[in-house]
Amino acid sequence: MSEQRSTAQSAGKVLEVLNVLLGNFAHGLTPGELAKATSLSPSNITRYIATLEEKGFAERVAETGRIRPSVRLAQQAVVILRSLDSARQRVDEIVHRVCTPQ
């Protein structure tokens, strides 16, 4: 049970780092800036960034060494927006059928 709690806490901290990165999508942050923004230790930041990079959610900008969310996340956002747009179109079609006199 303690191991599950530890895993959940680590996952929560990884998501906290990702959330901070999402707020800085264009330019990213240095590991030090991430540590300051999250109040996590630099060693934990290093580990969490490695996890995010390994899973494809973050990338390092080669020229600056800054970390930013990966393009994969932007692509997923576009997929979500398209899905919402499709749902809105279906709702509009239903409303039109229901509200149009026959």
PDB file of N, CA and C in Angstrom:
ATOM      1  N   MET A   1       0.831  -1.186   0.000  1.00  0.00           N
ATOM      2  CA  MET A   1       0.000   0.000   0.000  1.00  0.00           C
ATOM      3  C   MET A   1       0.876   1.251   0.000  1.00  0.00           C
ATOM      4  N   SER A   2       1.942   1.229   0.771  1.00  0.00           N
ATOM      5  CA  SER A   2       2.861   2.362   0.839  1.00  0.00           C
ATOM      6  C   SER A   2       3.527   2.603  -0.514  1.00  0.00           C
ATOM      7  N   GLU A   3       3.838   1.521  -1.226  1.00  0.00           N
ATOM      8  CA  GLU A   3       4.451   1.648  -2.555  1.00  0.00           C
ATOM      9  C   GLU A   3       3.480   2.302  -3.539  1.00  0.00           C
ATOM     10  N   GLN A   4       2.199   1.948  -3.455  1.00  0.00           N
ATOM     11  CA  GLN A   4       1.191   2.566  -4.319  1.00  0.00           C
ATOM     12  C   GLN A   4       1.075   4.060  -4.029  1.00  0.00           C
ATOM     13  N   ARG A   5       1.114   4.424  -2.763  1.00  0.00           N
ATOM     14  CA  ARG A   5       1.013   5.830  -2.379  1.00  0.00           C
ATOM     15  C   ARG A   5       2.223   6.597  -2.895  1.00  0.00           C
ATOM     16  N   SER A   6       3.394   5.996  -2.790  1.00  0.00           N
ATOM     17  CA  SER A   6       4.616   6.630  -3.281  1.00  0.00           C
ATOM     18  C   SER A   6       4.568   6.810  -4.797  1.00  0.00           C
ATOM     19  N   THR A   7       4.083   5.814  -5.503  1.00  0.00           N
ATOM     20  CA  THR A   7       3.952   5.898  -6.958  1.00  0.00           C
ATOM     21  C   THR A   7       2.964   6.993  -7.340  1.00  0.00           C
ATOM     22  N   ALA A   8       1.865   7.064  -6.631  1.00  0.00           N
ATOM     23  CA  ALA A   8       0.861   8.088  -6.917  1.00  0.00           C
ATOM     24  C   ALA A   8       1.417   9.484  -6.640  1.00  0.00           C
ATOM     25  N   GLN A   9       2.188   9.626  -5.572  1.00  0.00           N
ATOM     26  CA  GLN A   9       2.784  10.922  -5.264  1.00  0.00           C
ATOM     27  C   GLN A   9       3.791  11.323  -6.332  1.00  0.00           C
ATOM     28  N   SER A  10       4.608  10.371  -6.781  1.00  0.00           N
ATOM     29  CA  SER A  10       5.574  10.667  -7.841  1.00  0.00           C
ATOM     30  C   SER A  10       4.855  11.051  -9.128  1.00  0.00           C
ATOM     31  N   ALA A  11       3.809  10.318  -9.468  1.00  0.00           N
ATOM     32  CA  ALA A  11       3.044  10.636 -10.677  1.00  0.00           C
ATOM     33  C   ALA A  11       2.450  12.033 -10.561  1.00  0.00           C
ATOM     34  N   GLY A  12       1.956  12.374  -9.391  1.00  0.00           N
ATOM     35  CA  GLY A  12       1.402  13.707  -9.178  1.00  0.00           C
ATOM     36  C   GLY A  12       2.450  14.790  -9.369  1.00  0.00           C
ATOM     37  N   LYS A  13       3.649  14.531  -8.921  1.00  0.00           N
ATOM     38  CA  LYS A  13       4.718  15.524  -9.072  1.00  0.00           C
ATOM     39  C   LYS A  13       5.159  15.644 -10.530  1.00  0.00           C
ATOM     40  N   VAL A  14       5.187  14.534 -11.250  1.00  0.00           N
ATOM     41  CA  VAL A  14       5.496  14.584 -12.682  1.00  0.00           C
ATOM     42  C   VAL A  14       4.449  15.424 -13.391  1.00  0.00           C
ATOM     43  N   LEU A  15       3.191  15.221 -13.043  1.00  0.00           N
ATOM     44  CA  LEU A  15       2.110  16.004 -13.665  1.00  0.00           C
ATOM     45  C   LEU A  15       2.193  17.473 -13.269  1.00  0.00           C
ATOM     46  N   GLU A  16       2.638  17.750 -12.053  1.00  0.00           N
ATOM     47  CA  GLU A  16       2.833  19.136 -11.630  1.00  0.00           C
ATOM     48  C   GLU A  16       3.898  19.809 -12.498  1.00  0.00           C
ATOM     49  N   VAL A  17       4.998  19.099 -12.757  1.00  0.00           N
ATOM     50  CA  VAL A  17       6.055  19.631 -13.627  1.00  0.00           C
ATOM     51  C   VAL A  17       5.498  19.860 -15.029  1.00  0.00           C
ATOM     52  N   LEU A  18       4.751  18.901 -15.547  1.00  0.00           N
ATOM     53  CA  LEU A  18       4.164  19.041 -16.873  1.00  0.00           C
ATOM     54  C   LEU A  18       3.217  20.238 -16.926  1.00  0.00           C
ATOM     55  N   ASN A  19       2.429  20.418 -15.893  1.00  0.00           N
ATOM     56  CA  ASN A  19       1.495  21.539 -15.844  1.00  0.00           C
ATOM     57  C   ASN A  19       2.241  22.876 -15.898  1.00  0.00           C
ATOM     58  N   VAL A  20       3.342  22.989 -15.181  1.00  0.00           N
ATOM     59  CA  VAL A  20       4.144  24.217 -15.223  1.00  0.00           C
ATOM     60  C   VAL A  20       4.730  24.402 -16.623  1.00  0.00           C
ATOM     61  N   LEU A  21       5.206  23.315 -17.226  1.00  0.00           N
ATOM     62  CA  LEU A  21       5.747  23.405 -18.586  1.00  0.00           C
ATOM     63  C   LEU A  21       4.687  23.870 -19.580  1.00  0.00           C
ATOM     64  N   LEU A  22       3.469  23.388 -19.418  1.00  0.00           N
ATOM     65  CA  LEU A  22       2.392  23.774 -20.338  1.00  0.00           C
ATOM     66  C   LEU A  22       2.128  25.273 -20.293  1.00  0.00           C
ATOM     67  N   GLY A  23       2.371  25.887 -19.158  1.00  0.00           N
ATOM     68  CA  GLY A  23       2.211  27.325 -19.041  1.00  0.00           C
ATOM     69  C   GLY A  23       3.345  28.104 -19.680  1.00  0.00           C
ATOM     70  N   ASN A  24       4.361  27.384 -20.142  1.00  0.00           N
ATOM     71  CA  ASN A  24       5.531  28.010 -20.758  1.00  0.00           C
ATOM     72  C   ASN A  24       5.885  27.298 -22.059  1.00  0.00           C
ATOM     73  N   PHE A  25       4.858  27.032 -22.853  1.00  0.00           N
ATOM     74  CA  PHE A  25       5.011  26.194 -24.045  1.00  0.00           C
ATOM     75  C   PHE A  25       6.018  26.760 -25.048  1.00  0.00           C
ATOM     76  N   ALA A  26       5.954  28.046 -25.310  1.00  0.00           N
ATOM     77  CA  ALA A  26       6.764  28.627 -26.392  1.00  0.00           C
ATOM     78  C   ALA A  26       8.258  28.586 -26.110  1.00  0.00           C
ATOM     79  N   HIS A  27       8.658  28.979 -24.911  1.00  0.00           N
ATOM     80  CA  HIS A  27      10.090  29.100 -24.630  1.00  0.00           C
ATOM     81  C   HIS A  27      10.629  28.051 -23.668  1.00  0.00           C
ATOM     82  N   GLY A  28       9.756  27.384 -22.963  1.00  0.00           N
ATOM     83  CA  GLY A  28      10.192  26.383 -22.004  1.00  0.00           C
ATOM     84  C   GLY A  28      10.844  27.011 -20.788  1.00  0.00           C
ATOM     85  N   LEU A  29      11.376  26.165 -19.932  1.00  0.00           N
ATOM     86  CA  LEU A  29      12.023  26.597 -18.702  1.00  0.00           C
ATOM     87  C   LEU A  29      13.319  25.830 -18.508  1.00  0.00           C
ATOM     88  N   THR A  30      14.234  26.416 -17.776  1.00  0.00           N
ATOM     89  CA  THR A  30      15.438  25.695 -17.389  1.00  0.00           C
ATOM     90  C   THR A  30      15.066  24.761 -16.238  1.00  0.00           C
ATOM     91  N   PRO A  31      15.866  23.739 -15.997  1.00  0.00           N
ATOM     92  CA  PRO A  31      15.591  22.885 -14.837  1.00  0.00           C
ATOM     93  C   PRO A  31      15.540  23.689 -13.528  1.00  0.00           C
ATOM     94  N   GLY A  32      16.398  24.679 -13.394  1.00  0.00           N
ATOM     95  CA  GLY A  32      16.384  25.515 -12.193  1.00  0.00           C
ATOM     96  C   GLY A  32      15.088  26.298 -12.049  1.00  0.00           C
ATOM     97  N   GLU A  33      14.596  26.824 -13.159  1.00  0.00           N
ATOM     98  CA  GLU A  33      13.318  27.546 -13.132  1.00  0.00           C
ATOM     99  C   GLU A  33      12.167  26.608 -12.772  1.00  0.00           C
ATOM    100  N   LEU A  34      12.232  25.382 -13.287  1.00  0.00           N
ATOM    101  CA  LEU A  34      11.205  24.389 -12.933  1.00  0.00           C
ATOM    102  C   LEU A  34      11.257  24.052 -11.449  1.00  0.00           C
ATOM    103  N   ALA A  35      12.458  23.898 -10.924  1.00  0.00           N
ATOM    104  CA  ALA A  35      12.606  23.595  -9.497  1.00  0.00           C
ATOM    105  C   ALA A  35      12.007  24.722  -8.661  1.00  0.00           C
ATOM    106  N   LYS A  36      12.291  25.940  -9.040  1.00  0.00           N
ATOM    107  CA  LYS A  36      11.762  27.093  -8.297  1.00  0.00           C
ATOM    108  C   LYS A  36      10.235  27.174  -8.409  1.00  0.00           C
ATOM    109  N   ALA A  37       9.715  26.956  -9.608  1.00  0.00           N
ATOM    110  CA  ALA A  37       8.266  27.065  -9.844  1.00  0.00           C
ATOM    111  C   ALA A  37       7.473  25.980  -9.133  1.00  0.00           C
ATOM    112  N   THR A  38       8.084  24.833  -8.913  1.00  0.00           N
ATOM    113  CA  THR A  38       7.378  23.701  -8.313  1.00  0.00           C
ATOM    114  C   THR A  38       7.780  23.431  -6.872  1.00  0.00           C
ATOM    115  N   SER A  39       8.819  24.102  -6.402  1.00  0.00           N
ATOM    116  CA  SER A  39       9.376  23.850  -5.060  1.00  0.00           C
ATOM    117  C   SER A  39       9.869  22.417  -4.908  1.00  0.00           C
ATOM    118  N   LEU A  40      10.297  21.821  -6.013  1.00  0.00           N
ATOM    119  CA  LEU A  40      10.868  20.479  -5.982  1.00  0.00           C
ATOM    120  C   LEU A  40      12.382  20.590  -6.072  1.00  0.00           C
ATOM    121  N   SER A  41      13.073  19.588  -5.576  1.00  0.00           N
ATOM    122  CA  SER A  41      14.537  19.613  -5.598  1.00  0.00           C
ATOM    123  C   SER A  41      15.049  19.447  -7.027  1.00  0.00           C
ATOM    124  N   PRO A  42      16.223  19.998  -7.312  1.00  0.00           N
ATOM    125  CA  PRO A  42      16.800  19.824  -8.657  1.00  0.00           C
ATOM    126  C   PRO A  42      16.953  18.357  -9.060  1.00  0.00           C
ATOM    127  N   SER A  43      17.309  17.489  -8.105  1.00  0.00           N
ATOM    128  CA  SER A  43      17.459  16.072  -8.461  1.00  0.00           C
ATOM    129  C   SER A  43      16.121  15.457  -8.844  1.00  0.00           C
ATOM    130  N   ASN A  44      15.056  15.847  -8.141  1.00  0.00           N
ATOM    131  CA  ASN A  44      13.721  15.351  -8.519  1.00  0.00           C
ATOM    132  C   ASN A  44      13.300  15.907  -9.866  1.00  0.00           C
ATOM    133  N   ILE A  45      13.589  17.174 -10.113  1.00  0.00           N
ATOM    134  CA  ILE A  45      13.260  17.779 -11.408  1.00  0.00           C
ATOM    135  C   ILE A  45      13.949  17.000 -12.521  1.00  0.00           C
ATOM    136  N   THR A  46      15.209  16.682 -12.332  1.00  0.00           N
ATOM    137  CA  THR A  46      15.961  15.917 -13.339  1.00  0.00           C
ATOM    138  C   THR A  46      15.274  14.588 -13.625  1.00  0.00           C
ATOM    139  N   ARG A  47      14.849  13.913 -12.569  1.00  0.00           N
ATOM    140  CA  ARG A  47      14.193  12.611 -12.722  1.00  0.00           C
ATOM    141  C   ARG A  47      12.834  12.763 -13.414  1.00  0.00           C
ATOM    142  N   TYR A  48      12.055  13.749 -13.013  1.00  0.00           N
ATOM    143  CA  TYR A  48      10.725  13.939 -13.597  1.00  0.00           C
ATOM    144  C   TYR A  48      10.813  14.373 -15.059  1.00  0.00           C
ATOM    145  N   ILE A  49      11.788  15.218 -15.373  1.00  0.00           N
ATOM    146  CA  ILE A  49      11.983  15.624 -16.768  1.00  0.00           C
ATOM    147  C   ILE A  49      12.372  14.413 -17.613  1.00  0.00           C
ATOM    148  N   ALA A  50      13.237  13.574 -17.068  1.00  0.00           N
ATOM    149  CA  ALA A  50      13.645  12.368 -17.800  1.00  0.00           C
ATOM    150  C   ALA A  50      12.431  11.492 -18.098  1.00  0.00           C
ATOM    151  N   THR A  51      11.545  11.365 -17.135  1.00  0.00           N
ATOM    152  CA  THR A  51      10.321  10.578 -17.340  1.00  0.00           C
ATOM    153  C   THR A  51       9.461  11.193 -18.443  1.00  0.00           C
ATOM    154  N   LEU A  52       9.269  12.510 -18.377  1.00  0.00           N
ATOM    155  CA  LEU A  52       8.457  13.185 -19.395  1.00  0.00           C
ATOM    156  C   LEU A  52       9.084  13.078 -20.779  1.00  0.00           C
ATOM    157  N   GLU A  53      10.408  13.210 -20.854  1.00  0.00           N
ATOM    158  CA  GLU A  53      11.085  13.076 -22.154  1.00  0.00           C
ATOM    159  C   GLU A  53      10.970  11.651 -22.679  1.00  0.00           C
ATOM    160  N   GLU A  54      11.174  10.686 -21.799  1.00  0.00           N
ATOM    161  CA  GLU A  54      11.116   9.271 -22.196  1.00  0.00           C
ATOM    162  C   GLU A  54       9.734   8.904 -22.738  1.00  0.00           C
ATOM    163  N   LYS A  55       8.690   9.477 -22.159  1.00  0.00           N
ATOM    164  CA  LYS A  55       7.321   9.167 -22.576  1.00  0.00           C
ATOM    165  C   LYS A  55       6.823  10.081 -23.693  1.00  0.00           C
ATOM    166  N   GLY A  56       7.663  11.025 -24.131  1.00  0.00           N
ATOM    167  CA  GLY A  56       7.313  11.870 -25.267  1.00  0.00           C
ATOM    168  C   GLY A  56       6.491  13.101 -24.935  1.00  0.00           C
ATOM    169  N   PHE A  57       6.428  13.470 -23.656  1.00  0.00           N
ATOM    170  CA  PHE A  57       5.624  14.624 -23.254  1.00  0.00           C
ATOM    171  C   PHE A  57       6.430  15.907 -23.113  1.00  0.00           C
ATOM    172  N   ALA A  58       7.742  15.803 -23.090  1.00  0.00           N
ATOM    173  CA  ALA A  58       8.598  16.985 -22.968  1.00  0.00           C
ATOM    174  C   ALA A  58       9.808  16.796 -23.859  1.00  0.00           C
ATOM    175  N   GLU A  59      10.413  17.922 -24.216  1.00  0.00           N
ATOM    176  CA  GLU A  59      11.623  17.876 -25.038  1.00  0.00           C
ATOM    177  C   GLU A  59      12.558  18.990 -24.603  1.00  0.00           C
ATOM    178  N   ARG A  60      13.834  18.765 -24.842  1.00  0.00           N
ATOM    179  CA  ARG A  60      14.844  19.756 -24.501  1.00  0.00           C
ATOM    180  C   ARG A  60      15.188  20.540 -25.761  1.00  0.00           C
ATOM    181  N   VAL A  61      15.228  21.857 -25.644  1.00  0.00           N
ATOM    182  CA  VAL A  61      15.622  22.706 -26.762  1.00  0.00           C
ATOM    183  C   VAL A  61      17.141  22.666 -26.831  1.00  0.00           C
ATOM    184  N   ALA A  62      17.666  22.106 -27.908  1.00  0.00           N
ATOM    185  CA  ALA A  62      19.107  21.874 -28.018  1.00  0.00           C
ATOM    186  C   ALA A  62      19.927  23.157 -27.866  1.00  0.00           C
ATOM    187  N   GLU A  63      19.457  24.234 -28.460  1.00  0.00           N
ATOM    188  CA  GLU A  63      20.227  25.485 -28.452  1.00  0.00           C
ATOM    189  C   GLU A  63      20.297  26.146 -27.077  1.00  0.00           C
ATOM    190  N   THR A  64      19.264  25.945 -26.269  1.00  0.00           N
ATOM    191  CA  THR A  64      19.195  26.659 -24.989  1.00  0.00           C
ATOM    192  C   THR A  64      19.241  25.760 -23.765  1.00  0.00           C
ATOM    193  N   GLY A  65      18.979  24.459 -23.946  1.00  0.00           N
ATOM    194  CA  GLY A  65      18.922  23.548 -22.808  1.00  0.00           C
ATOM    195  C   GLY A  65      17.622  23.655 -22.017  1.00  0.00           C
ATOM    196  N   ARG A  66      16.705  24.499 -22.491  1.00  0.00           N
ATOM    197  CA  ARG A  66      15.429  24.663 -21.806  1.00  0.00           C
ATOM    198  C   ARG A  66      14.521  23.465 -22.106  1.00  0.00           C
ATOM    199  N   ILE A  67      13.600  23.210 -21.205  1.00  0.00           N
ATOM    200  CA  ILE A  67      12.660  22.108 -21.353  1.00  0.00           C
ATOM    201  C   ILE A  67      11.304  22.709 -21.711  1.00  0.00           C
ATOM    202  N   ARG A  68      10.612  22.083 -22.652  1.00  0.00           N
ATOM    203  CA  ARG A  68       9.273  22.542 -23.012  1.00  0.00           C
ATOM    204  C   ARG A  68       8.403  21.316 -23.290  1.00  0.00           C
ATOM    205  N   PRO A  69       7.093  21.520 -23.274  1.00  0.00           N
ATOM    206  CA  PRO A  69       6.221  20.411 -23.652  1.00  0.00           C
ATOM    207  C   PRO A  69       6.514  20.025 -25.098  1.00  0.00           C
ATOM    208  N   SER A  70       6.366  18.766 -25.402  1.00  0.00           N
ATOM    209  CA  SER A  70       6.645  18.308 -26.762  1.00  0.00           C
ATOM    210  C   SER A  70       5.526  18.720 -27.710  1.00  0.00           C
ATOM    211  N   VAL A  71       5.838  18.660 -28.970  1.00  0.00           N
ATOM    212  CA  VAL A  71       4.843  18.952 -30.005  1.00  0.00           C
ATOM    213  C   VAL A  71       3.697  17.946 -29.918  1.00  0.00           C
ATOM    214  N   ARG A  72       3.991  16.764 -29.406  1.00  0.00           N
ATOM    215  CA  ARG A  72       2.960  15.736 -29.250  1.00  0.00           C
ATOM    216  C   ARG A  72       1.762  16.281 -28.469  1.00  0.00           C
ATOM    217  N   LEU A  73       2.020  17.097 -27.446  1.00  0.00           N
ATOM    218  CA  LEU A  73       0.927  17.648 -26.655  1.00  0.00           C
ATOM    219  C   LEU A  73       0.099  18.635 -27.471  1.00  0.00           C
ATOM    220  N   ALA A  74       0.758  19.440 -28.282  1.00  0.00           N
ATOM    221  CA  ALA A  74       0.026  20.361 -29.153  1.00  0.00           C
ATOM    222  C   ALA A  74      -0.826  19.570 -30.149  1.00  0.00           C
ATOM    223  N   GLN A  75      -0.275  18.490 -30.663  1.00  0.00           N
ATOM    224  CA  GLN A  75      -1.024  17.650 -31.592  1.00  0.00           C
ATOM    225  C   GLN A  75      -2.251  17.048 -30.911  1.00  0.00           C
ATOM    226  N   GLN A  76      -2.097  16.624 -29.658  1.00  0.00           N
ATOM    227  CA  GLN A  76      -3.227  16.072 -28.915  1.00  0.00           C
ATOM    228  C   GLN A  76      -4.293  17.142 -28.670  1.00  0.00           C
ATOM    229  N   ALA A  77      -3.863  18.374 -28.416  1.00  0.00           N
ATOM    230  CA  ALA A  77      -4.811  19.475 -28.222  1.00  0.00           C
ATOM    231  C   ALA A  77      -5.632  19.692 -29.486  1.00  0.00           C
ATOM    232  N   VAL A  78      -4.997  19.598 -30.642  1.00  0.00           N
ATOM    233  CA  VAL A  78      -5.711  19.754 -31.915  1.00  0.00           C
ATOM    234  C   VAL A  78      -6.719  18.621 -32.090  1.00  0.00           C
ATOM    235  N   VAL A  79      -6.341  17.408 -31.737  1.00  0.00           N
ATOM    236  CA  VAL A  79      -7.262  16.270 -31.827  1.00  0.00           C
ATOM    237  C   VAL A  79      -8.480  16.508 -30.938  1.00  0.00           C
ATOM    238  N   ILE A  80      -8.253  17.011 -29.726  1.00  0.00           N
ATOM    239  CA  ILE A  80      -9.354  17.291 -28.805  1.00  0.00           C
ATOM    240  C   ILE A  80     -10.269  18.363 -29.389  1.00  0.00           C
ATOM    241  N   LEU A  81      -9.682  19.427 -29.918  1.00  0.00           N
ATOM    242  CA  LEU A  81     -10.492  20.501 -30.509  1.00  0.00           C
ATOM    243  C   LEU A  81     -11.330  19.993 -31.674  1.00  0.00           C
ATOM    244  N   ARG A  82     -10.761  19.136 -32.507  1.00  0.00           N
ATOM    245  CA  ARG A  82     -11.519  18.567 -33.634  1.00  0.00           C
ATOM    246  C   ARG A  82     -12.668  17.706 -33.131  1.00  0.00           C
ATOM    247  N   SER A  83     -12.415  16.951 -32.085  1.00  0.00           N
ATOM    248  CA  SER A  83     -13.451  16.106 -31.510  1.00  0.00           C
ATOM    249  C   SER A  83     -14.588  16.958 -30.944  1.00  0.00           C
ATOM    250  N   LEU A  84     -14.237  18.031 -30.260  1.00  0.00           N
ATOM    251  CA  LEU A  84     -15.260  18.934 -29.723  1.00  0.00           C
ATOM    252  C   LEU A  84     -16.051  19.601 -30.841  1.00  0.00           C
ATOM    253  N   ASP A  85     -15.356  19.975 -31.897  1.00  0.00           N
ATOM    254  CA  ASP A  85     -16.033  20.591 -33.041  1.00  0.00           C
ATOM    255  C   ASP A  85     -17.020  19.608 -33.669  1.00  0.00           C
ATOM    256  N   SER A  86     -16.613  18.367 -33.806  1.00  0.00           N
ATOM    257  CA  SER A  86     -17.484  17.336 -34.364  1.00  0.00           C
ATOM    258  C   SER A  86     -18.715  17.132 -33.479  1.00  0.00           C
ATOM    259  N   ALA A  87     -18.503  17.112 -32.171  1.00  0.00           N
ATOM    260  CA  ALA A  87     -19.625  16.952 -31.242  1.00  0.00           C
ATOM    261  C   ALA A  87     -20.574  18.140 -31.338  1.00  0.00           C
ATOM    262  N   ARG A  88     -20.010  19.344 -31.465  1.00  0.00           N
ATOM    263  CA  ARG A  88     -20.842  20.545 -31.587  1.00  0.00           C
ATOM    264  C   ARG A  88     -21.688  20.470 -32.859  1.00  0.00           C
ATOM    265  N   GLN A  89     -21.101  19.985 -33.951  1.00  0.00           N
ATOM    266  CA  GLN A  89     -21.853  19.866 -35.203  1.00  0.00           C
ATOM    267  C   GLN A  89     -23.007  18.882 -35.051  1.00  0.00           C
ATOM    268  N   ARG A  90     -22.768  17.766 -34.358  1.00  0.00           N
ATOM    269  CA  ARG A  90     -23.841  16.788 -34.134  1.00  0.00           C
ATOM    270  C   ARG A  90     -24.968  17.394 -33.306  1.00  0.00           C
ATOM    271  N   VAL A  91     -24.601  18.128 -32.267  1.00  0.00           N
ATOM    272  CA  VAL A  91     -25.618  18.774 -31.432  1.00  0.00           C
ATOM    273  C   VAL A  91     -26.403  19.789 -32.254  1.00  0.00           C
ATOM    274  N   ASP A  92     -25.709  20.583 -33.061  1.00  0.00           N
ATOM    275  CA  ASP A  92     -26.388  21.571 -33.910  1.00  0.00           C
ATOM    276  C   ASP A  92     -27.365  20.892 -34.872  1.00  0.00           C
ATOM    277  N   GLU A  93     -26.971  19.757 -35.439  1.00  0.00           N
ATOM    278  CA  GLU A  93     -27.850  19.030 -36.349  1.00  0.00           C
ATOM    279  C   GLU A  93     -29.099  18.535 -35.623  1.00  0.00           C
ATOM    280  N   ILE A  94     -28.922  18.027 -34.412  1.00  0.00           N
ATOM    281  CA  ILE A  94     -30.067  17.534 -33.630  1.00  0.00           C
ATOM    282  C   ILE A  94     -30.985  18.688 -33.274  1.00  0.00           C
ATOM    283  N   VAL A  95     -30.418  19.784 -32.836  1.00  0.00           N
ATOM    284  CA  VAL A  95     -31.228  20.963 -32.487  1.00  0.00           C
ATOM    285  C   VAL A  95     -31.997  21.434 -33.708  1.00  0.00           C
ATOM    286  N   HIS A  96     -31.367  21.449 -34.861  1.00  0.00           N
ATOM    287  CA  HIS A  96     -32.032  21.870 -36.100  1.00  0.00           C
ATOM    288  C   HIS A  96     -33.210  20.945 -36.417  1.00  0.00           C
ATOM    289  N   ARG A  97     -33.016  19.626 -36.294  1.00  0.00           N
ATOM    290  CA  ARG A  97     -34.094  18.678 -36.580  1.00  0.00           C
ATOM    291  C   ARG A  97     -35.237  18.809 -35.593  1.00  0.00           C
ATOM    292  N   VAL A  98     -34.913  19.023 -34.329  1.00  0.00           N
ATOM    293  CA  VAL A  98     -35.937  19.122 -33.304  1.00  0.00           C
ATOM    294  C   VAL A  98     -36.719  20.425 -33.417  1.00  0.00           C
ATOM    295  N   CYS A  99     -36.032  21.486 -33.764  1.00  0.00           N
ATOM    296  CA  CYS A  99     -36.661  22.820 -33.764  1.00  0.00           C
ATOM    297  C   CYS A  99     -37.259  23.224 -35.108  1.00  0.00           C
ATOM    298  N   THR A 100     -37.024  22.444 -36.150  1.00  0.00           N
ATOM    299  CA  THR A 100     -37.563  22.772 -37.459  1.00  0.00           C
ATOM    300  C   THR A 100     -38.920  22.122 -37.621  1.00  0.00           C
ATOM    301  N   PRO A 101     -39.945  22.940 -37.887  1.00  0.00           N
ATOM    302  CA  PRO A 101     -41.294  22.362 -38.072  1.00  0.00           C
ATOM    303  C   PRO A 101     -41.322  21.452 -39.295  1.00  0.00           C
ATOM    304  N   GLN A 102     -42.098  20.394 -39.190  1.00  0.00           N
ATOM    305  CA  GLN A 102     -42.169  19.436 -40.292  1.00  0.00           C
ATOM    306  C   GLN A 102     -43.459  19.502 -41.039  1.00  0.00           C
TER     307      GLN A 102
END
